[in-house]
Amino acid sequence: MQLNLTKMSDNYAAYQTEIYGKGALTGTKPSVTTDPRRLEEQAKQNLGVRAFNYVAGGAGEKATMDSNRLAFRQWKM
C-alpha cells in the first residue's frame, strides 16, 4: 500500500492520521522523511540543483527560514 502524498487533505489532521494509520497497520512509510535532520539531504537528492539552492538559501533573504527554525525548536513533547 502506497501513501498518496500528492493529495494531501485540506484537513491536515486527517492527513496526519492517514500517515500514522498506514504506518501502524501496514508498515507503510511516507516517501518524504519525517525526520527534520534528514529532510535537507532528501531534498538535495530529489530536487534539481537550482531548486535546491533556492530553497536551501532561504528563498530570498533567509529571514523566514530563520524564524521557522526558531519556532520549530520551541516545540516540546
PDB file of N, CA and C in Angstrom:
ATOM      1  N   MET A   1       0.845  -1.182   0.000  1.00  0.00           N
ATOM      2  CA  MET A   1       0.000   0.000   0.000  1.00  0.00           C
ATOM      3  C   MET A   1       0.887   1.240   0.000  1.00  0.00           C
ATOM      4  N   GLN A   2       0.654   2.168  -0.880  1.00  0.00           N
ATOM      5  CA  GLN A   2       1.473   3.371  -1.033  1.00  0.00           C
ATOM      6  C   GLN A   2       0.700   4.587  -0.537  1.00  0.00           C
ATOM      7  N   LEU A   3       1.349   5.457   0.208  1.00  0.00           N
ATOM      8  CA  LEU A   3       0.720   6.706   0.636  1.00  0.00           C
ATOM      9  C   LEU A   3       0.611   7.650  -0.548  1.00  0.00           C
ATOM     10  N   ASN A   4      -0.494   8.338  -0.654  1.00  0.00           N
ATOM     11  CA  ASN A   4      -0.687   9.299  -1.725  1.00  0.00           C
ATOM     12  C   ASN A   4      -0.332  10.682  -1.205  1.00  0.00           C
ATOM     13  N   LEU A   5       0.959  11.011  -1.239  1.00  0.00           N
ATOM     14  CA  LEU A   5       1.411  12.278  -0.678  1.00  0.00           C
ATOM     15  C   LEU A   5       1.141  13.455  -1.596  1.00  0.00           C
ATOM     16  N   THR A   6       0.781  13.192  -2.840  1.00  0.00           N
ATOM     17  CA  THR A   6       0.479  14.299  -3.742  1.00  0.00           C
ATOM     18  C   THR A   6      -0.922  14.835  -3.495  1.00  0.00           C
ATOM     19  N   LYS A   7      -1.743  14.121  -2.743  1.00  0.00           N
ATOM     20  CA  LYS A   7      -3.117  14.546  -2.486  1.00  0.00           C
ATOM     21  C   LYS A   7      -3.317  14.761  -0.990  1.00  0.00           C
ATOM     22  N   MET A   8      -2.612  15.728  -0.434  1.00  0.00           N
ATOM     23  CA  MET A   8      -2.749  15.992   0.991  1.00  0.00           C
ATOM     24  C   MET A   8      -4.105  16.642   1.240  1.00  0.00           C
ATOM     25  N   SER A   9      -4.786  16.140   2.231  1.00  0.00           N
ATOM     26  CA  SER A   9      -6.094  16.650   2.598  1.00  0.00           C
ATOM     27  C   SER A   9      -5.991  18.114   3.036  1.00  0.00           C
ATOM     28  N   ASP A  10      -7.048  18.875   2.783  1.00  0.00           N
ATOM     29  CA  ASP A  10      -7.095  20.247   3.287  1.00  0.00           C
ATOM     30  C   ASP A  10      -7.101  20.234   4.812  1.00  0.00           C
ATOM     31  N   ASN A  11      -7.570  19.146   5.383  1.00  0.00           N
ATOM     32  CA  ASN A  11      -7.581  18.976   6.829  1.00  0.00           C
ATOM     33  C   ASN A  11      -6.307  18.233   7.207  1.00  0.00           C
ATOM     34  N   TYR A  12      -5.323  18.943   7.706  1.00  0.00           N
ATOM     35  CA  TYR A  12      -4.026  18.321   7.989  1.00  0.00           C
ATOM     36  C   TYR A  12      -4.140  17.210   9.022  1.00  0.00           C
ATOM     37  N   ALA A  13      -5.063  17.326   9.952  1.00  0.00           N
ATOM     38  CA  ALA A  13      -5.226  16.274  10.961  1.00  0.00           C
ATOM     39  C   ALA A  13      -5.611  14.962  10.294  1.00  0.00           C
ATOM     40  N   ALA A  14      -6.452  15.012   9.286  1.00  0.00           N
ATOM     41  CA  ALA A  14      -6.842  13.795   8.571  1.00  0.00           C
ATOM     42  C   ALA A  14      -5.643  13.214   7.831  1.00  0.00           C
ATOM     43  N   TYR A  15      -4.834  14.069   7.254  1.00  0.00           N
ATOM     44  CA  TYR A  15      -3.630  13.627   6.546  1.00  0.00           C
ATOM     45  C   TYR A  15      -2.657  12.971   7.522  1.00  0.00           C
ATOM     46  N   GLN A  16      -2.475  13.583   8.674  1.00  0.00           N
ATOM     47  CA  GLN A  16      -1.579  13.041   9.693  1.00  0.00           C
ATOM     48  C   GLN A  16      -2.097  11.683  10.178  1.00  0.00           C
ATOM     49  N   THR A  17      -3.395  11.573  10.385  1.00  0.00           N
ATOM     50  CA  THR A  17      -3.996  10.309  10.797  1.00  0.00           C
ATOM     51  C   THR A  17      -3.764   9.235   9.743  1.00  0.00           C
ATOM     52  N   GLU A  18      -3.871   9.610   8.470  1.00  0.00           N
ATOM     53  CA  GLU A  18      -3.623   8.660   7.376  1.00  0.00           C
ATOM     54  C   GLU A  18      -2.186   8.142   7.431  1.00  0.00           C
ATOM     55  N   ILE A  19      -1.230   9.041   7.610  1.00  0.00           N
ATOM     56  CA  ILE A  19       0.180   8.636   7.660  1.00  0.00           C
ATOM     57  C   ILE A  19       0.426   7.681   8.829  1.00  0.00           C
ATOM     58  N   TYR A  20      -0.022   8.073  10.039  1.00  0.00           N
ATOM     59  CA  TYR A  20       0.216   7.229  11.210  1.00  0.00           C
ATOM     60  C   TYR A  20      -0.560   5.921  11.121  1.00  0.00           C
ATOM     61  N   GLY A  21      -1.793   5.976  10.620  1.00  0.00           N
ATOM     62  CA  GLY A  21      -2.606   4.766  10.494  1.00  0.00           C
ATOM     63  C   GLY A  21      -1.973   3.755   9.561  1.00  0.00           C
ATOM     64  N   LYS A  22      -1.543   4.202   8.387  1.00  0.00           N
ATOM     65  CA  LYS A  22      -0.922   3.283   7.434  1.00  0.00           C
ATOM     66  C   LYS A  22       0.405   2.761   7.967  1.00  0.00           C
ATOM     67  N   GLY A  23       1.121   3.585   8.689  1.00  0.00           N
ATOM     68  CA  GLY A  23       2.382   3.136   9.272  1.00  0.00           C
ATOM     69  C   GLY A  23       2.159   2.070  10.333  1.00  0.00           C
ATOM     70  N   ALA A  24       1.174   2.278  11.185  1.00  0.00           N
ATOM     71  CA  ALA A  24       0.907   1.339  12.278  1.00  0.00           C
ATOM     72  C   ALA A  24       0.285   0.039  11.777  1.00  0.00           C
ATOM     73  N   LEU A  25      -0.618   0.154  10.798  1.00  0.00           N
ATOM     74  CA  LEU A  25      -1.345  -1.034  10.349  1.00  0.00           C
ATOM     75  C   LEU A  25      -0.609  -1.849   9.296  1.00  0.00           C
ATOM     76  N   THR A  26       0.131  -1.179   8.424  1.00  0.00           N
ATOM     77  CA  THR A  26       0.752  -1.899   7.304  1.00  0.00           C
ATOM     78  C   THR A  26       2.258  -1.712   7.214  1.00  0.00           C
ATOM     79  N   GLY A  27       2.814  -0.856   8.058  1.00  0.00           N
ATOM     80  CA  GLY A  27       4.252  -0.608   7.993  1.00  0.00           C
ATOM     81  C   GLY A  27       4.657   0.321   6.862  1.00  0.00           C
ATOM     82  N   THR A  28       3.667   0.924   6.191  1.00  0.00           N
ATOM     83  CA  THR A  28       3.938   1.830   5.080  1.00  0.00           C
ATOM     84  C   THR A  28       4.504   3.143   5.610  1.00  0.00           C
ATOM     85  N   LYS A  29       5.625   3.557   5.066  1.00  0.00           N
ATOM     86  CA  LYS A  29       6.252   4.820   5.471  1.00  0.00           C
ATOM     87  C   LYS A  29       6.043   5.854   4.385  1.00  0.00           C
ATOM     88  N   PRO A  30       5.906   7.138   4.752  1.00  0.00           N
ATOM     89  CA  PRO A  30       5.777   8.185   3.739  1.00  0.00           C
ATOM     90  C   PRO A  30       7.054   8.296   2.909  1.00  0.00           C
ATOM     91  N   SER A  31       6.917   8.732   1.673  1.00  0.00           N
ATOM     92  CA  SER A  31       8.096   8.856   0.809  1.00  0.00           C
ATOM     93  C   SER A  31       8.985  10.024   1.218  1.00  0.00           C
ATOM     94  N   VAL A  32       8.426  10.996   1.909  1.00  0.00           N
ATOM     95  CA  VAL A  32       9.196  12.131   2.418  1.00  0.00           C
ATOM     96  C   VAL A  32       9.482  11.867   3.890  1.00  0.00           C
ATOM     97  N   THR A  33      10.729  12.012   4.279  1.00  0.00           N
ATOM     98  CA  THR A  33      11.111  11.728   5.658  1.00  0.00           C
ATOM     99  C   THR A  33      10.344  12.605   6.646  1.00  0.00           C
ATOM    100  N   THR A  34      10.104  12.064   7.805  1.00  0.00           N
ATOM    101  CA  THR A  34       9.515  12.843   8.891  1.00  0.00           C
ATOM    102  C   THR A  34      10.587  13.265   9.888  1.00  0.00           C
ATOM    103  N   ASP A  35      11.839  12.940   9.589  1.00  0.00           N
ATOM    104  CA  ASP A  35      12.975  13.304  10.431  1.00  0.00           C
ATOM    105  C   ASP A  35      13.545  14.636   9.929  1.00  0.00           C
ATOM    106  N   PRO A  36      13.364  15.719  10.684  1.00  0.00           N
ATOM    107  CA  PRO A  36      13.823  17.019  10.194  1.00  0.00           C
ATOM    108  C   PRO A  36      15.332  17.088   9.954  1.00  0.00           C
ATOM    109  N   ARG A  37      16.094  16.210  10.605  1.00  0.00           N
ATOM    110  CA  ARG A  37      17.546  16.196  10.396  1.00  0.00           C
ATOM    111  C   ARG A  37      17.912  15.609   9.045  1.00  0.00           C
ATOM    112  N   ARG A  38      17.026  14.818   8.438  1.00  0.00           N
ATOM    113  CA  ARG A  38      17.296  14.186   7.146  1.00  0.00           C
ATOM    114  C   ARG A  38      16.608  14.901   5.982  1.00  0.00           C
ATOM    115  N   LEU A  39      15.731  15.842   6.288  1.00  0.00           N
ATOM    116  CA  LEU A  39      14.916  16.479   5.256  1.00  0.00           C
ATOM    117  C   LEU A  39      15.758  17.219   4.222  1.00  0.00           C
ATOM    118  N   GLU A  40      16.754  17.956   4.649  1.00  0.00           N
ATOM    119  CA  GLU A  40      17.571  18.720   3.708  1.00  0.00           C
ATOM    120  C   GLU A  40      18.323  17.790   2.748  1.00  0.00           C
ATOM    121  N   GLU A  41      18.881  16.718   3.265  1.00  0.00           N
ATOM    122  CA  GLU A  41      19.603  15.776   2.404  1.00  0.00           C
ATOM    123  C   GLU A  41      18.658  15.113   1.412  1.00  0.00           C
ATOM    124  N   GLN A  42      17.462  14.775   1.857  1.00  0.00           N
ATOM    125  CA  GLN A  42      16.492  14.166   0.947  1.00  0.00           C
ATOM    126  C   GLN A  42      16.080  15.158  -0.143  1.00  0.00           C
ATOM    127  N   ALA A  43      15.907  16.405   0.222  1.00  0.00           N
ATOM    128  CA  ALA A  43      15.563  17.426  -0.774  1.00  0.00           C
ATOM    129  C   ALA A  43      16.694  17.579  -1.790  1.00  0.00           C
ATOM    130  N   LYS A  44      17.919  17.563  -1.309  1.00  0.00           N
ATOM    131  CA  LYS A  44      19.076  17.699  -2.195  1.00  0.00           C
ATOM    132  C   LYS A  44      19.130  16.556  -3.209  1.00  0.00           C
ATOM    133  N   GLN A  45      18.758  15.361  -2.777  1.00  0.00           N
ATOM    134  CA  GLN A  45      18.781  14.192  -3.662  1.00  0.00           C
ATOM    135  C   GLN A  45      17.650  14.221  -4.689  1.00  0.00           C
ATOM    136  N   ASN A  46      16.558  14.911  -4.388  1.00  0.00           N
ATOM    137  CA  ASN A  46      15.367  14.838  -5.241  1.00  0.00           C
ATOM    138  C   ASN A  46      15.059  16.096  -6.040  1.00  0.00           C
ATOM    139  N   LEU A  47      15.613  17.227  -5.650  1.00  0.00           N
ATOM    140  CA  LEU A  47      15.368  18.477  -6.375  1.00  0.00           C
ATOM    141  C   LEU A  47      16.493  18.733  -7.363  1.00  0.00           C
ATOM    142  N   GLY A  48      16.194  19.525  -8.368  1.00  0.00           N
ATOM    143  CA  GLY A  48      17.245  19.981  -9.256  1.00  0.00           C
ATOM    144  C   GLY A  48      18.173  20.930  -8.501  1.00  0.00           C
ATOM    145  N   VAL A  49      19.357  21.157  -9.043  1.00  0.00           N
ATOM    146  CA  VAL A  49      20.352  21.995  -8.365  1.00  0.00           C
ATOM    147  C   VAL A  49      19.812  23.399  -8.107  1.00  0.00           C
ATOM    148  N   ARG A  50      19.201  24.024  -9.117  1.00  0.00           N
ATOM    149  CA  ARG A  50      18.694  25.398  -8.936  1.00  0.00           C
ATOM    150  C   ARG A  50      17.589  25.456  -7.898  1.00  0.00           C
ATOM    151  N   ALA A  51      16.667  24.484  -7.937  1.00  0.00           N
ATOM    152  CA  ALA A  51      15.558  24.478  -6.981  1.00  0.00           C
ATOM    153  C   ALA A  51      16.081  24.273  -5.560  1.00  0.00           C
ATOM    154  N   PHE A  52      17.003  23.329  -5.403  1.00  0.00           N
ATOM    155  CA  PHE A  52      17.558  23.087  -4.067  1.00  0.00           C
ATOM    156  C   PHE A  52      18.286  24.322  -3.551  1.00  0.00           C
ATOM    157  N   ASN A  53      19.111  24.919  -4.370  1.00  0.00           N
ATOM    158  CA  ASN A  53      19.870  26.097  -3.931  1.00  0.00           C
ATOM    159  C   ASN A  53      18.956  27.247  -3.551  1.00  0.00           C
ATOM    160  N   TYR A  54      17.856  27.402  -4.272  1.00  0.00           N
ATOM    161  CA  TYR A  54      16.897  28.458  -3.965  1.00  0.00           C
ATOM    162  C   TYR A  54      16.271  28.213  -2.584  1.00  0.00           C
ATOM    163  N   VAL A  55      15.802  26.992  -2.368  1.00  0.00           N
ATOM    164  CA  VAL A  55      15.163  26.670  -1.089  1.00  0.00           C
ATOM    165  C   VAL A  55      16.180  26.669   0.049  1.00  0.00           C
ATOM    166  N   ALA A  56      17.328  26.033  -0.166  1.00  0.00           N
ATOM    167  CA  ALA A  56      18.355  25.948   0.881  1.00  0.00           C
ATOM    168  C   ALA A  56      18.913  27.315   1.238  1.00  0.00           C
ATOM    169  N   GLY A  57      18.889  28.229   0.287  1.00  0.00           N
ATOM    170  CA  GLY A  57      19.372  29.577   0.540  1.00  0.00           C
ATOM    171  C   GLY A  57      18.348  30.468   1.210  1.00  0.00           C
ATOM    172  N   GLY A  58      17.212  29.914   1.568  1.00  0.00           N
ATOM    173  CA  GLY A  58      16.191  30.680   2.272  1.00  0.00           C
ATOM    174  C   GLY A  58      15.188  31.332   1.358  1.00  0.00           C
ATOM    175  N   ALA A  59      15.251  31.024   0.060  1.00  0.00           N
ATOM    176  CA  ALA A  59      14.295  31.551  -0.917  1.00  0.00           C
ATOM    177  C   ALA A  59      14.202  33.075  -0.834  1.00  0.00           C
ATOM    178  N   GLY A  60      15.323  33.723  -0.699  1.00  0.00           N
ATOM    179  CA  GLY A  60      15.358  35.176  -0.600  1.00  0.00           C
ATOM    180  C   GLY A  60      16.361  35.599   0.446  1.00  0.00           C
ATOM    181  N   GLU A  61      15.882  36.357   1.427  1.00  0.00           N
ATOM    182  CA  GLU A  61      16.825  36.886   2.420  1.00  0.00           C
ATOM    183  C   GLU A  61      17.024  35.983   3.633  1.00  0.00           C
ATOM    184  N   LYS A  62      16.347  34.854   3.680  1.00  0.00           N
ATOM    185  CA  LYS A  62      16.545  33.855   4.723  1.00  0.00           C
ATOM    186  C   LYS A  62      15.855  34.188   6.049  1.00  0.00           C
ATOM    187  N   ALA A  63      15.163  35.298   6.154  1.00  0.00           N
ATOM    188  CA  ALA A  63      14.514  35.680   7.410  1.00  0.00           C
ATOM    189  C   ALA A  63      13.407  34.702   7.783  1.00  0.00           C
ATOM    190  N   THR A  64      12.618  34.256   6.800  1.00  0.00           N
ATOM    191  CA  THR A  64      11.543  33.305   7.076  1.00  0.00           C
ATOM    192  C   THR A  64      12.112  31.983   7.557  1.00  0.00           C
ATOM    193  N   MET A  65      13.175  31.521   6.928  1.00  0.00           N
ATOM    194  CA  MET A  65      13.799  30.258   7.315  1.00  0.00           C
ATOM    195  C   MET A  65      14.306  30.343   8.758  1.00  0.00           C
ATOM    196  N   ASP A  66      14.944  31.440   9.114  1.00  0.00           N
ATOM    197  CA  ASP A  66      15.435  31.606  10.484  1.00  0.00           C
ATOM    198  C   ASP A  66      14.279  31.607  11.486  1.00  0.00           C
ATOM    199  N   SER A  67      13.194  32.293  11.150  1.00  0.00           N
ATOM    200  CA  SER A  67      12.025  32.336  12.040  1.00  0.00           C
ATOM    201  C   SER A  67      11.393  30.959  12.191  1.00  0.00           C
ATOM    202  N   ASN A  68      11.305  30.219  11.082  1.00  0.00           N
ATOM    203  CA  ASN A  68      10.718  28.884  11.141  1.00  0.00           C
ATOM    204  C   ASN A  68      11.563  27.939  11.986  1.00  0.00           C
ATOM    205  N   ARG A  69      12.869  28.006  11.850  1.00  0.00           N
ATOM    206  CA  ARG A  69      13.738  27.145  12.660  1.00  0.00           C
ATOM    207  C   ARG A  69      13.597  27.474  14.143  1.00  0.00           C
ATOM    208  N   LEU A  70      13.548  28.741  14.478  1.00  0.00           N
ATOM    209  CA  LEU A  70      13.385  29.141  15.870  1.00  0.00           C
ATOM    210  C   LEU A  70      12.056  28.631  16.417  1.00  0.00           C
ATOM    211  N   ALA A  71      10.979  28.806  15.659  1.00  0.00           N
ATOM    212  CA  ALA A  71       9.668  28.347  16.111  1.00  0.00           C
ATOM    213  C   ALA A  71       9.642  26.828  16.265  1.00  0.00           C
ATOM    214  N   PHE A  72      10.257  26.117  15.327  1.00  0.00           N
ATOM    215  CA  PHE A  72      10.265  24.658  15.377  1.00  0.00           C
ATOM    216  C   PHE A  72      11.026  24.151  16.597  1.00  0.00           C
ATOM    217  N   ARG A  73      12.109  24.799  16.941  1.00  0.00           N
ATOM    218  CA  ARG A  73      12.916  24.374  18.100  1.00  0.00           C
ATOM    219  C   ARG A  73      12.185  24.553  19.414  1.00  0.00           C
ATOM    220  N   GLN A  74      11.185  25.407  19.432  1.00  0.00           N
ATOM    221  CA  GLN A  74      10.468  25.681  20.670  1.00  0.00           C
ATOM    222  C   GLN A  74       9.378  24.644  20.964  1.00  0.00           C
ATOM    223  N   TRP A  75       9.057  23.764  20.003  1.00  0.00           N
ATOM    224  CA  TRP A  75       8.076  22.707  20.224  1.00  0.00           C
ATOM    225  C   TRP A  75       8.660  21.639  21.133  1.00  0.00           C
ATOM    226  N   LYS A  76       7.899  21.228  22.120  1.00  0.00           N
ATOM    227  CA  LYS A  76       8.329  20.192  23.065  1.00  0.00           C
ATOM    228  C   LYS A  76       7.252  19.121  23.141  1.00  0.00           C
ATOM    229  N   MET A  77       7.698  17.897  23.363  1.00  0.00           N
ATOM    230  CA  MET A  77       6.751  16.786  23.574  1.00  0.00           C
ATOM    231  C   MET A  77       6.794  16.364  25.017  1.00  0.00           C
TER     232      MET A  77
END
